Amino acid sequence: MQDFLRESQWLLWVAGALILGLLELTALDFVFSMLVGGALAAALAAAFGFSFTVQAFVFTGVSLIGLVVVRPYLKRWAMRSNPDVPTNVDALAGRTALTLTPVDDRGGQVKLSGETWTARTADRGTRIDADVDVVVVKIEGATALVRAEQPADQRVDPVGQGPNQQDAEQQHPGTGDEPGRTPPPMEQ
């Protein structure tokens, strides 16, 4: 029996590695993966006939090196390849809603993603009439904080430095003048 255990120690390490691999599938944190590497290294040491003490040191050493050196790199890689995507109520910020009742800083109702939500204005002291498109600023509990959408003539360009160039050209066709810009002084 002792000969069988001595000859099949590598198989026990491989079985342990399989169990640790299954645990990694449930955790997805790369801790058990490093232990799998240690168990496979210990299985290799057992296959070469090293004593159980050497196998245990190999398992511990490879696992620790994996946890300290390899795991942080794998975690950064996983976070980079899986960007943080807002879900549930966090994903509602920035969406457009329709006011069903007048909305002020005390309350109101909006239609958001096909559902009726209680709402308040994000800016104190403002009031938004019914049947107006609004933008959800954020969700607090079960209440949407909203702000009225800006009219098309007040939208800012992507840099956020004033009206869109198309809007400026429509306001002053052919002149090349931009709103808010002072023309050069005329010579006398």
N, C-alpha and C. Protein backbone atom coordinates (compact mmCIF):
# COMPACT_ATOMS: atom_id res chain seq x y z
N MET A 1 0.83 -1.20 0.00
CA MET A 1 0.00 0.00 0.00
C MET A 1 0.86 1.25 0.00
N GLN A 2 1.95 1.26 0.80
CA GLN A 2 2.82 2.43 0.83
C GLN A 2 3.50 2.64 -0.51
N ASP A 3 3.83 1.55 -1.19
CA ASP A 3 4.43 1.68 -2.52
C ASP A 3 3.44 2.32 -3.49
N PHE A 4 2.17 1.92 -3.40
CA PHE A 4 1.15 2.50 -4.28
C PHE A 4 1.02 4.00 -4.03
N LEU A 5 0.98 4.42 -2.75
CA LEU A 5 0.87 5.84 -2.44
C LEU A 5 2.10 6.60 -2.91
N ARG A 6 3.27 5.99 -2.72
CA ARG A 6 4.51 6.66 -3.13
C ARG A 6 4.55 6.83 -4.65
N GLU A 7 4.07 5.84 -5.36
CA GLU A 7 4.10 5.89 -6.83
C GLU A 7 2.98 6.74 -7.41
N SER A 8 1.92 6.95 -6.66
CA SER A 8 0.79 7.70 -7.21
C SER A 8 0.60 9.07 -6.54
N GLN A 9 1.61 9.55 -5.85
CA GLN A 9 1.49 10.88 -5.24
C GLN A 9 1.24 11.95 -6.29
N TRP A 10 1.86 11.84 -7.44
CA TRP A 10 1.67 12.83 -8.50
C TRP A 10 0.21 12.90 -8.91
N LEU A 11 -0.47 11.73 -8.90
CA LEU A 11 -1.87 11.69 -9.27
C LEU A 11 -2.74 12.41 -8.24
N LEU A 12 -2.38 12.32 -6.97
CA LEU A 12 -3.12 13.04 -5.93
C LEU A 12 -2.95 14.55 -6.09
N TRP A 13 -1.74 15.01 -6.46
CA TRP A 13 -1.52 16.44 -6.71
C TRP A 13 -2.34 16.91 -7.92
N VAL A 14 -2.41 16.09 -8.95
CA VAL A 14 -3.20 16.46 -10.14
C VAL A 14 -4.68 16.53 -9.77
N ALA A 15 -5.17 15.59 -8.97
CA ALA A 15 -6.56 15.63 -8.53
C ALA A 15 -6.83 16.89 -7.71
N GLY A 16 -5.88 17.24 -6.84
CA GLY A 16 -6.02 18.48 -6.08
C GLY A 16 -6.04 19.70 -6.99
N ALA A 17 -5.22 19.67 -8.04
CA ALA A 17 -5.21 20.79 -9.00
C ALA A 17 -6.55 20.90 -9.71
N LEU A 18 -7.16 19.78 -10.06
CA LEU A 18 -8.48 19.81 -10.71
C LEU A 18 -9.55 20.40 -9.79
N ILE A 19 -9.51 20.01 -8.52
CA ILE A 19 -10.48 20.55 -7.56
C ILE A 19 -10.26 22.06 -7.38
N LEU A 20 -9.01 22.46 -7.26
CA LEU A 20 -8.71 23.90 -7.13
C LEU A 20 -9.13 24.66 -8.39
N GLY A 21 -8.97 24.04 -9.56
CA GLY A 21 -9.41 24.67 -10.81
C GLY A 21 -10.90 24.88 -10.84
N LEU A 22 -11.66 23.91 -10.33
CA LEU A 22 -13.12 24.08 -10.26
C LEU A 22 -13.50 25.20 -9.30
N LEU A 23 -12.77 25.29 -8.20
CA LEU A 23 -13.02 26.38 -7.26
C LEU A 23 -12.72 27.74 -7.90
N GLU A 24 -11.69 27.80 -8.74
CA GLU A 24 -11.36 29.06 -9.42
C GLU A 24 -12.49 29.49 -10.35
N LEU A 25 -13.15 28.52 -10.97
CA LEU A 25 -14.27 28.86 -11.86
C LEU A 25 -15.40 29.53 -11.10
N THR A 26 -15.55 29.24 -9.82
CA THR A 26 -16.60 29.90 -9.05
C THR A 26 -16.14 31.24 -8.49
N ALA A 27 -14.85 31.39 -8.21
CA ALA A 27 -14.35 32.62 -7.58
C ALA A 27 -13.90 33.66 -8.61
N LEU A 28 -13.23 33.23 -9.66
CA LEU A 28 -12.70 34.12 -10.71
C LEU A 28 -11.86 35.26 -10.13
N ASP A 29 -10.97 34.91 -9.21
CA ASP A 29 -10.13 35.93 -8.57
C ASP A 29 -8.64 35.61 -8.71
N PHE A 30 -8.31 34.55 -9.42
CA PHE A 30 -6.93 34.12 -9.71
C PHE A 30 -6.17 33.62 -8.49
N VAL A 31 -6.82 33.46 -7.34
CA VAL A 31 -6.13 32.89 -6.17
C VAL A 31 -5.98 31.39 -6.35
N PHE A 32 -7.09 30.72 -6.66
CA PHE A 32 -7.04 29.28 -6.83
C PHE A 32 -6.21 28.89 -8.06
N SER A 33 -6.14 29.77 -9.05
CA SER A 33 -5.30 29.49 -10.23
C SER A 33 -3.84 29.38 -9.83
N MET A 34 -3.41 30.22 -8.91
CA MET A 34 -2.02 30.16 -8.46
C MET A 34 -1.77 28.88 -7.67
N LEU A 35 -2.78 28.43 -6.91
CA LEU A 35 -2.66 27.18 -6.18
C LEU A 35 -2.65 25.99 -7.14
N VAL A 36 -3.38 26.10 -8.25
CA VAL A 36 -3.34 25.05 -9.28
C VAL A 36 -1.92 24.93 -9.82
N GLY A 37 -1.29 26.06 -10.10
CA GLY A 37 0.10 26.03 -10.58
C GLY A 37 1.03 25.37 -9.58
N GLY A 38 0.84 25.67 -8.30
CA GLY A 38 1.65 25.04 -7.25
C GLY A 38 1.41 23.54 -7.17
N ALA A 39 0.16 23.12 -7.29
CA ALA A 39 -0.16 21.69 -7.24
C ALA A 39 0.42 20.95 -8.43
N LEU A 40 0.38 21.55 -9.61
CA LEU A 40 0.96 20.91 -10.79
C LEU A 40 2.48 20.83 -10.68
N ALA A 41 3.11 21.87 -10.10
CA ALA A 41 4.56 21.81 -9.90
C ALA A 41 4.91 20.72 -8.88
N ALA A 42 4.10 20.58 -7.84
CA ALA A 42 4.32 19.52 -6.86
C ALA A 42 4.10 18.15 -7.48
N ALA A 43 3.14 18.02 -8.39
CA ALA A 43 2.92 16.76 -9.10
C ALA A 43 4.14 16.40 -9.94
N LEU A 44 4.76 17.40 -10.55
CA LEU A 44 5.98 17.17 -11.32
C LEU A 44 7.12 16.71 -10.41
N ALA A 45 7.23 17.32 -9.23
CA ALA A 45 8.26 16.90 -8.27
C ALA A 45 8.00 15.47 -7.80
N ALA A 46 6.74 15.11 -7.61
CA ALA A 46 6.40 13.75 -7.20
C ALA A 46 6.71 12.76 -8.31
N ALA A 47 6.48 13.14 -9.56
CA ALA A 47 6.78 12.25 -10.68
C ALA A 47 8.27 11.98 -10.80
N PHE A 48 9.10 12.93 -10.39
CA PHE A 48 10.55 12.73 -10.43
C PHE A 48 11.06 12.01 -9.18
N GLY A 49 10.16 11.65 -8.25
CA GLY A 49 10.54 10.84 -7.11
C GLY A 49 11.00 11.61 -5.88
N PHE A 50 10.77 12.90 -5.81
CA PHE A 50 11.16 13.67 -4.62
C PHE A 50 10.24 13.32 -3.45
N SER A 51 10.74 13.52 -2.24
CA SER A 51 9.97 13.20 -1.04
C SER A 51 8.78 14.15 -0.90
N PHE A 52 7.84 13.74 -0.02
CA PHE A 52 6.67 14.57 0.20
C PHE A 52 7.04 15.94 0.76
N THR A 53 8.08 16.03 1.56
CA THR A 53 8.52 17.31 2.12
C THR A 53 8.95 18.25 1.01
N VAL A 54 9.70 17.74 0.04
CA VAL A 54 10.13 18.56 -1.10
C VAL A 54 8.91 18.97 -1.92
N GLN A 55 7.97 18.05 -2.11
CA GLN A 55 6.76 18.36 -2.87
C GLN A 55 5.97 19.49 -2.19
N ALA A 56 5.87 19.43 -0.87
CA ALA A 56 5.14 20.47 -0.13
C ALA A 56 5.84 21.82 -0.26
N PHE A 57 7.19 21.82 -0.20
CA PHE A 57 7.92 23.08 -0.39
C PHE A 57 7.74 23.62 -1.80
N VAL A 58 7.75 22.73 -2.80
CA VAL A 58 7.53 23.16 -4.19
C VAL A 58 6.14 23.77 -4.34
N PHE A 59 5.13 23.08 -3.79
CA PHE A 59 3.76 23.58 -3.85
C PHE A 59 3.67 24.98 -3.22
N THR A 60 4.23 25.13 -2.02
CA THR A 60 4.17 26.40 -1.30
C THR A 60 4.92 27.49 -2.05
N GLY A 61 6.13 27.17 -2.52
CA GLY A 61 6.95 28.18 -3.21
C GLY A 61 6.32 28.66 -4.50
N VAL A 62 5.89 27.73 -5.33
CA VAL A 62 5.29 28.12 -6.62
C VAL A 62 3.98 28.88 -6.39
N SER A 63 3.19 28.44 -5.42
CA SER A 63 1.93 29.14 -5.13
C SER A 63 2.18 30.57 -4.65
N LEU A 64 3.14 30.75 -3.76
CA LEU A 64 3.45 32.10 -3.25
C LEU A 64 3.99 33.00 -4.35
N ILE A 65 4.88 32.48 -5.18
CA ILE A 65 5.40 33.29 -6.29
C ILE A 65 4.25 33.68 -7.22
N GLY A 66 3.36 32.75 -7.48
CA GLY A 66 2.21 33.07 -8.32
C GLY A 66 1.32 34.14 -7.71
N LEU A 67 1.06 34.01 -6.40
CA LEU A 67 0.20 34.98 -5.73
C LEU A 67 0.81 36.37 -5.68
N VAL A 68 2.13 36.45 -5.49
CA VAL A 68 2.79 37.74 -5.32
C VAL A 68 3.16 38.37 -6.66
N VAL A 69 3.60 37.56 -7.61
CA VAL A 69 4.12 38.11 -8.87
C VAL A 69 3.11 38.04 -10.01
N VAL A 70 2.52 36.88 -10.24
CA VAL A 70 1.68 36.67 -11.43
C VAL A 70 0.26 37.19 -11.24
N ARG A 71 -0.34 36.96 -10.08
CA ARG A 71 -1.74 37.33 -9.86
C ARG A 71 -2.01 38.82 -10.06
N PRO A 72 -1.19 39.75 -9.53
CA PRO A 72 -1.49 41.17 -9.76
C PRO A 72 -1.50 41.53 -11.25
N TYR A 73 -0.58 40.95 -12.02
CA TYR A 73 -0.56 41.20 -13.46
C TYR A 73 -1.84 40.68 -14.12
N LEU A 74 -2.27 39.47 -13.75
CA LEU A 74 -3.49 38.90 -14.32
C LEU A 74 -4.72 39.72 -13.95
N LYS A 75 -4.77 40.22 -12.72
CA LYS A 75 -5.91 41.04 -12.31
C LYS A 75 -5.97 42.35 -13.10
N ARG A 76 -4.81 42.99 -13.32
CA ARG A 76 -4.79 44.22 -14.12
C ARG A 76 -5.23 43.93 -15.55
N TRP A 77 -4.77 42.81 -16.10
CA TRP A 77 -5.15 42.44 -17.46
C TRP A 77 -6.65 42.20 -17.55
N ALA A 78 -7.21 41.51 -16.57
CA ALA A 78 -8.65 41.21 -16.57
C ALA A 78 -9.47 42.49 -16.43
N MET A 79 -9.03 43.42 -15.61
CA MET A 79 -9.76 44.67 -15.45
C MET A 79 -9.67 45.54 -16.69
N ARG A 80 -8.54 45.49 -17.38
CA ARG A 80 -8.37 46.28 -18.59
C ARG A 80 -9.22 45.72 -19.72
N SER A 81 -9.32 44.41 -19.81
CA SER A 81 -10.08 43.80 -20.89
C SER A 81 -11.58 43.75 -20.59
N ASN A 82 -11.98 44.00 -19.35
CA ASN A 82 -13.39 44.07 -18.97
C ASN A 82 -13.67 45.43 -18.35
N PRO A 83 -13.97 46.44 -19.17
CA PRO A 83 -14.21 47.76 -18.60
C PRO A 83 -15.45 47.75 -17.72
N ASP A 84 -15.46 48.65 -16.76
CA ASP A 84 -16.58 48.77 -15.84
C ASP A 84 -17.76 49.37 -16.59
N VAL A 85 -18.79 48.57 -16.79
CA VAL A 85 -19.98 49.01 -17.50
C VAL A 85 -21.08 49.22 -16.48
N PRO A 86 -21.66 50.42 -16.45
CA PRO A 86 -22.73 50.65 -15.48
C PRO A 86 -23.93 49.76 -15.78
N THR A 87 -24.53 49.24 -14.73
CA THR A 87 -25.71 48.38 -14.88
C THR A 87 -26.80 48.86 -13.95
N ASN A 88 -27.96 48.30 -14.13
CA ASN A 88 -29.13 48.60 -13.30
C ASN A 88 -29.40 50.10 -13.25
N VAL A 89 -29.61 50.67 -12.08
CA VAL A 89 -29.96 52.09 -12.01
C VAL A 89 -28.79 52.99 -12.39
N ASP A 90 -27.55 52.52 -12.24
CA ASP A 90 -26.40 53.33 -12.64
C ASP A 90 -26.41 53.59 -14.15
N ALA A 91 -26.97 52.67 -14.92
CA ALA A 91 -27.01 52.81 -16.37
C ALA A 91 -28.09 53.80 -16.82
N LEU A 92 -28.98 54.21 -15.94
CA LEU A 92 -30.05 55.14 -16.31
C LEU A 92 -29.58 56.59 -16.35
N ALA A 93 -28.48 56.91 -15.71
CA ALA A 93 -27.97 58.29 -15.73
C ALA A 93 -27.60 58.65 -17.17
N GLY A 94 -28.06 59.82 -17.60
CA GLY A 94 -27.79 60.29 -18.95
C GLY A 94 -28.89 59.95 -19.94
N ARG A 95 -29.83 59.13 -19.55
CA ARG A 95 -30.94 58.77 -20.45
C ARG A 95 -31.99 59.88 -20.49
N THR A 96 -32.76 59.86 -21.54
CA THR A 96 -33.84 60.83 -21.71
C THR A 96 -35.13 60.25 -21.15
N ALA A 97 -35.90 61.09 -20.49
CA ALA A 97 -37.20 60.69 -19.94
C ALA A 97 -38.23 61.76 -20.33
N LEU A 98 -39.49 61.45 -20.17
CA LEU A 98 -40.57 62.37 -20.48
C LEU A 98 -41.35 62.66 -19.20
N THR A 99 -41.54 63.94 -18.89
CA THR A 99 -42.29 64.28 -17.68
C THR A 99 -43.77 63.98 -17.90
N LEU A 100 -44.36 63.28 -16.95
CA LEU A 100 -45.79 62.97 -17.01
C LEU A 100 -46.60 64.00 -16.25
N THR A 101 -45.99 64.55 -15.20
CA THR A 101 -46.61 65.61 -14.39
C THR A 101 -45.55 66.71 -14.25
N PRO A 102 -45.95 67.89 -13.81
CA PRO A 102 -44.93 68.90 -13.54
C PRO A 102 -43.94 68.38 -12.48
N VAL A 103 -42.65 68.67 -12.69
CA VAL A 103 -41.61 68.18 -11.78
C VAL A 103 -40.91 69.39 -11.18
N ASP A 104 -40.78 69.39 -9.85
CA ASP A 104 -40.00 70.43 -9.17
C ASP A 104 -39.12 69.75 -8.13
N ASP A 105 -38.56 70.53 -7.22
CA ASP A 105 -37.64 69.92 -6.25
C ASP A 105 -38.38 69.16 -5.14
N ARG A 106 -39.71 69.15 -5.19
CA ARG A 106 -40.49 68.38 -4.23
C ARG A 106 -40.99 67.07 -4.81
N GLY A 107 -41.14 66.98 -6.12
CA GLY A 107 -41.62 65.73 -6.71
C GLY A 107 -42.21 65.90 -8.08
N GLY A 108 -42.67 64.80 -8.62
CA GLY A 108 -43.27 64.73 -9.93
C GLY A 108 -43.11 63.31 -10.45
N GLN A 109 -43.49 63.09 -11.72
CA GLN A 109 -43.36 61.77 -12.32
C GLN A 109 -42.82 61.89 -13.73
N VAL A 110 -41.99 60.90 -14.10
CA VAL A 110 -41.44 60.84 -15.45
C VAL A 110 -41.61 59.43 -15.98
N LYS A 111 -41.61 59.31 -17.30
CA LYS A 111 -41.62 58.01 -17.98
C LYS A 111 -40.19 57.75 -18.41
N LEU A 112 -39.55 56.73 -17.81
CA LEU A 112 -38.15 56.42 -18.04
C LEU A 112 -38.03 54.94 -18.39
N SER A 113 -37.51 54.66 -19.56
CA SER A 113 -37.33 53.28 -20.03
C SER A 113 -38.62 52.48 -19.93
N GLY A 114 -39.73 53.10 -20.29
CA GLY A 114 -41.01 52.41 -20.31
C GLY A 114 -41.68 52.28 -18.96
N GLU A 115 -41.09 52.83 -17.91
CA GLU A 115 -41.66 52.72 -16.57
C GLU A 115 -41.90 54.11 -15.99
N THR A 116 -42.87 54.21 -15.10
CA THR A 116 -43.15 55.47 -14.42
C THR A 116 -42.30 55.56 -13.17
N TRP A 117 -41.55 56.66 -13.05
CA TRP A 117 -40.66 56.89 -11.91
C TRP A 117 -41.07 58.17 -11.20
N THR A 118 -40.89 58.20 -9.89
CA THR A 118 -41.01 59.48 -9.20
C THR A 118 -39.76 60.28 -9.54
N ALA A 119 -39.90 61.58 -9.57
CA ALA A 119 -38.78 62.41 -10.01
C ALA A 119 -38.74 63.72 -9.24
N ARG A 120 -37.56 64.30 -9.19
CA ARG A 120 -37.33 65.64 -8.65
C ARG A 120 -36.35 66.32 -9.58
N THR A 121 -36.37 67.64 -9.58
CA THR A 121 -35.38 68.36 -10.38
C THR A 121 -34.04 68.31 -9.67
N ALA A 122 -32.98 68.25 -10.46
CA ALA A 122 -31.63 68.22 -9.90
C ALA A 122 -31.23 69.59 -9.39
N ASP A 123 -31.81 70.63 -9.97
CA ASP A 123 -31.50 72.01 -9.57
C ASP A 123 -32.63 72.53 -8.69
N ARG A 124 -32.29 72.94 -7.50
CA ARG A 124 -33.30 73.46 -6.56
C ARG A 124 -33.95 74.72 -7.13
N GLY A 125 -35.23 74.82 -6.87
CA GLY A 125 -35.97 76.02 -7.27
C GLY A 125 -36.41 76.03 -8.72
N THR A 126 -36.14 74.99 -9.49
CA THR A 126 -36.60 74.96 -10.87
C THR A 126 -37.85 74.10 -10.97
N ARG A 127 -38.61 74.35 -12.01
CA ARG A 127 -39.85 73.61 -12.26
C ARG A 127 -39.88 73.26 -13.73
N ILE A 128 -40.24 72.02 -14.03
CA ILE A 128 -40.33 71.56 -15.41
C ILE A 128 -41.77 71.13 -15.65
N ASP A 129 -42.37 71.65 -16.70
CA ASP A 129 -43.77 71.35 -17.01
C ASP A 129 -43.93 69.91 -17.46
N ALA A 130 -45.18 69.47 -17.54
CA ALA A 130 -45.49 68.13 -18.03
C ALA A 130 -45.23 68.06 -19.53
N ASP A 131 -44.98 66.86 -20.02
CA ASP A 131 -44.78 66.57 -21.45
C ASP A 131 -43.52 67.25 -22.01
N VAL A 132 -42.45 67.27 -21.19
CA VAL A 132 -41.18 67.86 -21.60
C VAL A 132 -40.11 66.78 -21.50
N ASP A 133 -39.21 66.73 -22.48
CA ASP A 133 -38.09 65.80 -22.42
C ASP A 133 -37.07 66.30 -21.41
N VAL A 134 -36.61 65.39 -20.56
CA VAL A 134 -35.62 65.71 -19.54
C VAL A 134 -34.49 64.68 -19.60
N VAL A 135 -33.37 65.02 -18.98
CA VAL A 135 -32.23 64.11 -18.89
C VAL A 135 -32.08 63.67 -17.44
N VAL A 136 -31.90 62.37 -17.23
CA VAL A 136 -31.71 61.84 -15.88
C VAL A 136 -30.28 62.14 -15.45
N VAL A 137 -30.12 62.87 -14.37
CA VAL A 137 -28.80 63.20 -13.83
C VAL A 137 -28.28 62.02 -13.01
N LYS A 138 -29.12 61.51 -12.10
CA LYS A 138 -28.78 60.32 -11.32
C LYS A 138 -30.04 59.78 -10.67
N ILE A 139 -29.91 58.59 -10.10
CA ILE A 139 -31.02 57.96 -9.39
C ILE A 139 -30.67 57.94 -7.91
N GLU A 140 -31.58 58.44 -7.09
CA GLU A 140 -31.43 58.39 -5.64
C GLU A 140 -32.56 57.54 -5.10
N GLY A 141 -32.24 56.34 -4.66
CA GLY A 141 -33.27 55.42 -4.18
C GLY A 141 -34.17 55.04 -5.34
N ALA A 142 -35.45 55.40 -5.24
CA ALA A 142 -36.40 55.12 -6.31
C ALA A 142 -36.84 56.41 -7.00
N THR A 143 -36.04 57.46 -6.88
CA THR A 143 -36.39 58.76 -7.45
C THR A 143 -35.33 59.19 -8.46
N ALA A 144 -35.80 59.61 -9.64
CA ALA A 144 -34.89 60.08 -10.67
C ALA A 144 -34.69 61.59 -10.50
N LEU A 145 -33.43 62.02 -10.43
CA LEU A 145 -33.12 63.45 -10.43
C LEU A 145 -32.94 63.86 -11.88
N VAL A 146 -33.72 64.84 -12.34
CA VAL A 146 -33.74 65.19 -13.75
C VAL A 146 -33.42 66.66 -13.97
N ARG A 147 -33.04 66.96 -15.18
CA ARG A 147 -32.75 68.33 -15.61
C ARG A 147 -33.33 68.47 -17.01
N ALA A 148 -33.91 69.63 -17.32
CA ALA A 148 -34.49 69.85 -18.64
C ALA A 148 -33.40 69.81 -19.70
N GLU A 149 -33.72 69.23 -20.86
CA GLU A 149 -32.76 69.20 -21.96
C GLU A 149 -32.58 70.61 -22.49
N GLN A 150 -31.36 70.90 -22.98
CA GLN A 150 -31.10 72.21 -23.55
C GLN A 150 -31.70 72.27 -24.95
N PRO A 151 -32.28 73.42 -25.33
CA PRO A 151 -32.77 73.57 -26.70
C PRO A 151 -31.60 73.47 -27.68
N ALA A 152 -31.90 73.14 -28.92
CA ALA A 152 -30.86 72.91 -29.94
C ALA A 152 -29.97 74.13 -30.13
N ASP A 153 -30.50 75.37 -29.99
CA ASP A 153 -29.68 76.55 -30.22
C ASP A 153 -28.74 76.85 -29.04
N GLN A 154 -28.88 76.11 -27.93
CA GLN A 154 -27.99 76.33 -26.78
C GLN A 154 -27.04 75.17 -26.53
N ARG A 155 -27.07 74.16 -27.42
CA ARG A 155 -26.18 73.02 -27.23
C ARG A 155 -24.74 73.46 -27.43
N VAL A 156 -23.86 72.84 -26.67
CA VAL A 156 -22.45 73.18 -26.78
C VAL A 156 -21.74 72.16 -27.64
N ASP A 157 -20.61 72.59 -28.22
CA ASP A 157 -19.83 71.68 -29.05
C ASP A 157 -19.17 70.63 -28.17
N PRO A 158 -18.59 69.59 -28.79
CA PRO A 158 -18.01 68.51 -28.00
C PRO A 158 -16.93 68.97 -27.03
N VAL A 159 -16.24 70.05 -27.32
CA VAL A 159 -15.20 70.53 -26.42
C VAL A 159 -15.84 71.31 -25.28
N GLY A 160 -17.07 71.76 -25.47
CA GLY A 160 -17.77 72.49 -24.42
C GLY A 160 -17.41 73.96 -24.38
N GLN A 161 -17.06 74.53 -25.55
CA GLN A 161 -16.61 75.92 -25.54
C GLN A 161 -17.54 76.84 -26.31
N GLY A 162 -18.79 76.50 -26.43
CA GLY A 162 -19.71 77.41 -27.07
C GLY A 162 -20.61 76.70 -28.05
N PRO A 163 -21.35 77.46 -28.86
CA PRO A 163 -22.28 76.85 -29.81
C PRO A 163 -21.55 76.01 -30.85
N ASN A 164 -22.28 75.06 -31.40
CA ASN A 164 -21.73 74.26 -32.49
C ASN A 164 -21.39 75.15 -33.67
N GLN A 165 -20.41 74.77 -34.44
CA GLN A 165 -20.00 75.57 -35.60
C GLN A 165 -21.14 75.67 -36.61
N GLN A 166 -21.90 74.56 -36.78
CA GLN A 166 -23.03 74.61 -37.71
C GLN A 166 -24.04 75.65 -37.26
N ASP A 167 -24.32 75.68 -35.96
CA ASP A 167 -25.27 76.66 -35.44
C ASP A 167 -24.76 78.07 -35.69
N ALA A 168 -23.46 78.29 -35.51
CA ALA A 168 -22.89 79.62 -35.72
C ALA A 168 -23.01 80.03 -37.18
N GLU A 169 -22.79 79.09 -38.10
CA GLU A 169 -22.89 79.42 -39.52
C GLU A 169 -24.33 79.70 -39.91
N GLN A 170 -25.29 79.00 -39.27
CA GLN A 170 -26.69 79.26 -39.58
C GLN A 170 -27.12 80.62 -39.05
N GLN A 171 -26.55 81.05 -37.93
CA GLN A 171 -26.92 82.34 -37.36
C GLN A 171 -26.32 83.49 -38.16
N HIS A 172 -25.14 83.32 -38.72
CA HIS A 172 -24.45 84.36 -39.47
C HIS A 172 -23.95 83.80 -40.80
N PRO A 173 -24.86 83.47 -41.73
CA PRO A 173 -24.43 82.84 -42.97
C PRO A 173 -23.55 83.76 -43.81
N GLY A 174 -22.48 83.17 -44.33
CA GLY A 174 -21.61 83.89 -45.26
C GLY A 174 -20.69 84.91 -44.64
N THR A 175 -20.88 85.30 -43.39
CA THR A 175 -20.04 86.34 -42.82
C THR A 175 -18.81 85.78 -42.15
N GLY A 176 -18.89 84.54 -41.70
CA GLY A 176 -17.76 83.95 -41.00
C GLY A 176 -17.64 84.45 -39.58
N ASP A 177 -18.53 85.38 -39.18
CA ASP A 177 -18.49 85.89 -37.81
C ASP A 177 -19.07 84.84 -36.88
N GLU A 178 -18.50 84.75 -35.72
CA GLU A 178 -19.01 83.85 -34.71
C GLU A 178 -19.72 84.68 -33.66
N PRO A 179 -20.79 84.15 -33.06
CA PRO A 179 -21.48 84.91 -32.02
C PRO A 179 -20.55 85.21 -30.86
N GLY A 180 -20.68 86.41 -30.32
CA GLY A 180 -19.87 86.79 -29.16
C GLY A 180 -18.47 87.28 -29.53
N ARG A 181 -18.19 87.36 -30.81
CA ARG A 181 -16.85 87.79 -31.23
C ARG A 181 -16.94 89.22 -31.75
N THR A 182 -16.04 90.04 -31.33
CA THR A 182 -16.04 91.44 -31.71
C THR A 182 -15.32 91.58 -33.06
N PRO A 183 -15.95 92.28 -34.04
CA PRO A 183 -15.30 92.46 -35.34
C PRO A 183 -14.07 93.37 -35.18
N PRO A 184 -13.10 93.24 -36.08
CA PRO A 184 -11.92 94.09 -36.00
C PRO A 184 -12.31 95.55 -36.23
N PRO A 185 -11.56 96.51 -35.64
CA PRO A 185 -11.89 97.93 -35.82
C PRO A 185 -11.68 98.34 -37.28
N MET A 186 -12.53 99.24 -37.73
CA MET A 186 -12.44 99.72 -39.11
C MET A 186 -11.42 100.84 -39.19
N GLU A 187 -10.68 100.87 -40.31
CA GLU A 187 -9.69 101.95 -40.49
C GLU A 187 -10.40 103.20 -40.92
N GLN A 188 -9.84 104.38 -40.54
CA GLN A 188 -10.46 105.65 -40.91
C GLN A 188 -9.66 106.39 -41.90
